[in-house]
Amino acid sequence: MNMAEAKQRLMELADGGYHSLTYEVGDHGGGRVSQKCKVYLPNHGSFEAAHWEEALTQLEAFLSGRPVISEALPVSQEKDI
């Protein structure tokens, strides 16, 4: 899922209200990079993961009342994100 697709899905969850997405890339040197995808809805909070799908899944779980389970954000060995 790319950022535009994540934006569309979050906009639908926001039902026309305010929402935001944040994408962060960390360069740890030696070719190690990490990424953080964060989604936010007012009155529901923010959810972050290494990929958009997981961050949105966490938000959707919260909205539906299911327990939110998150894995630690991994550091990737890949240079291309």
Protein backbone atom coordinates (compact mmCIF):
# COMPACT_ATOMS: atom_id res chain seq x y z
CA MET A 1 0.00 0.00 0.00
CA ASN A 2 1.39 3.39 -0.92
CA MET A 3 0.79 6.68 0.88
CA ALA A 4 -2.00 7.78 -1.48
CA GLU A 5 -3.87 4.51 -0.86
CA ALA A 6 -3.35 4.88 2.90
CA LYS A 7 -4.63 8.47 2.70
CA GLN A 8 -7.78 7.33 0.88
CA ARG A 9 -8.48 4.57 3.42
CA LEU A 10 -7.90 6.92 6.37
CA MET A 11 -10.13 9.57 4.79
CA GLU A 12 -12.92 6.98 4.59
CA LEU A 13 -12.42 6.05 8.26
CA ALA A 14 -12.47 9.76 9.18
CA ASP A 15 -15.87 10.10 7.47
CA GLY A 16 -14.96 13.50 6.06
CA GLY A 17 -13.40 14.78 9.28
CA TYR A 18 -9.84 15.73 10.16
CA HIS A 19 -7.16 13.03 9.81
CA SER A 20 -3.41 12.92 9.30
CA LEU A 21 -0.65 10.62 8.10
CA THR A 22 3.04 10.81 8.95
CA TYR A 23 5.86 8.94 7.24
CA GLU A 24 9.33 8.86 8.76
CA VAL A 25 12.53 7.27 7.49
CA GLY A 26 15.48 6.71 9.81
CA ASP A 27 18.96 6.09 8.42
CA HIS A 28 21.00 4.11 10.93
CA GLY A 29 24.16 4.01 8.81
CA GLY A 30 25.74 1.04 7.14
CA GLY A 31 22.76 0.59 4.82
CA ARG A 32 20.31 0.05 7.68
CA VAL A 33 17.12 2.06 7.44
CA SER A 34 13.81 1.99 9.26
CA GLN A 35 10.44 3.43 8.41
CA LYS A 36 7.48 4.48 10.50
CA CYS A 37 3.97 4.97 9.15
CA LYS A 38 1.61 6.79 11.50
CA VAL A 39 -2.13 7.44 11.13
CA TYR A 40 -4.21 9.73 13.37
CA LEU A 41 -7.87 10.45 13.96
CA PRO A 42 -9.00 12.97 16.60
CA ASN A 43 -10.63 11.36 19.65
CA HIS A 44 -9.18 8.00 18.60
CA GLY A 45 -5.45 8.60 18.76
CA SER A 46 -2.54 7.67 16.56
CA PHE A 47 -1.30 4.27 15.50
CA GLU A 48 2.09 3.52 14.00
CA ALA A 49 3.83 0.59 12.40
CA ALA A 50 6.51 -0.15 9.83
CA HIS A 51 3.89 -0.29 7.04
CA TRP A 52 0.64 1.55 6.27
CA GLU A 53 -1.44 -1.64 6.29
CA GLU A 54 -0.46 -2.46 9.87
CA ALA A 55 -1.02 1.08 11.17
CA LEU A 56 -4.47 1.18 9.57
CA THR A 57 -5.28 -2.33 10.83
CA GLN A 58 -4.47 -1.17 14.37
CA LEU A 59 -6.74 1.86 13.97
CA GLU A 60 -9.56 -0.25 12.55
CA ALA A 61 -9.18 -2.76 15.41
CA PHE A 62 -9.44 0.10 17.90
CA LEU A 63 -12.51 1.53 16.17
CA SER A 64 -14.22 -1.88 16.20
CA GLY A 65 -13.37 -2.52 19.86
CA ARG A 66 -10.93 -5.37 19.15
CA PRO A 67 -7.68 -5.47 21.11
CA VAL A 68 -4.86 -3.64 19.35
CA ILE A 69 -1.73 -5.74 19.05
CA SER A 70 1.38 -4.10 17.66
CA GLU A 71 4.78 -5.50 16.85
CA ALA A 72 7.93 -3.49 17.44
CA LEU A 73 9.02 -1.38 14.50
CA PRO A 74 11.76 -3.39 12.78
CA VAL A 75 14.97 -2.00 11.36
CA SER A 76 15.31 -3.13 7.76
CA GLN A 77 18.52 -4.22 6.10
CA GLU A 78 17.20 -3.00 2.75
CA LYS A 79 18.38 0.27 1.26
CA ASP A 80 15.28 0.86 -0.87
CA ILE A 81 12.08 1.73 0.95
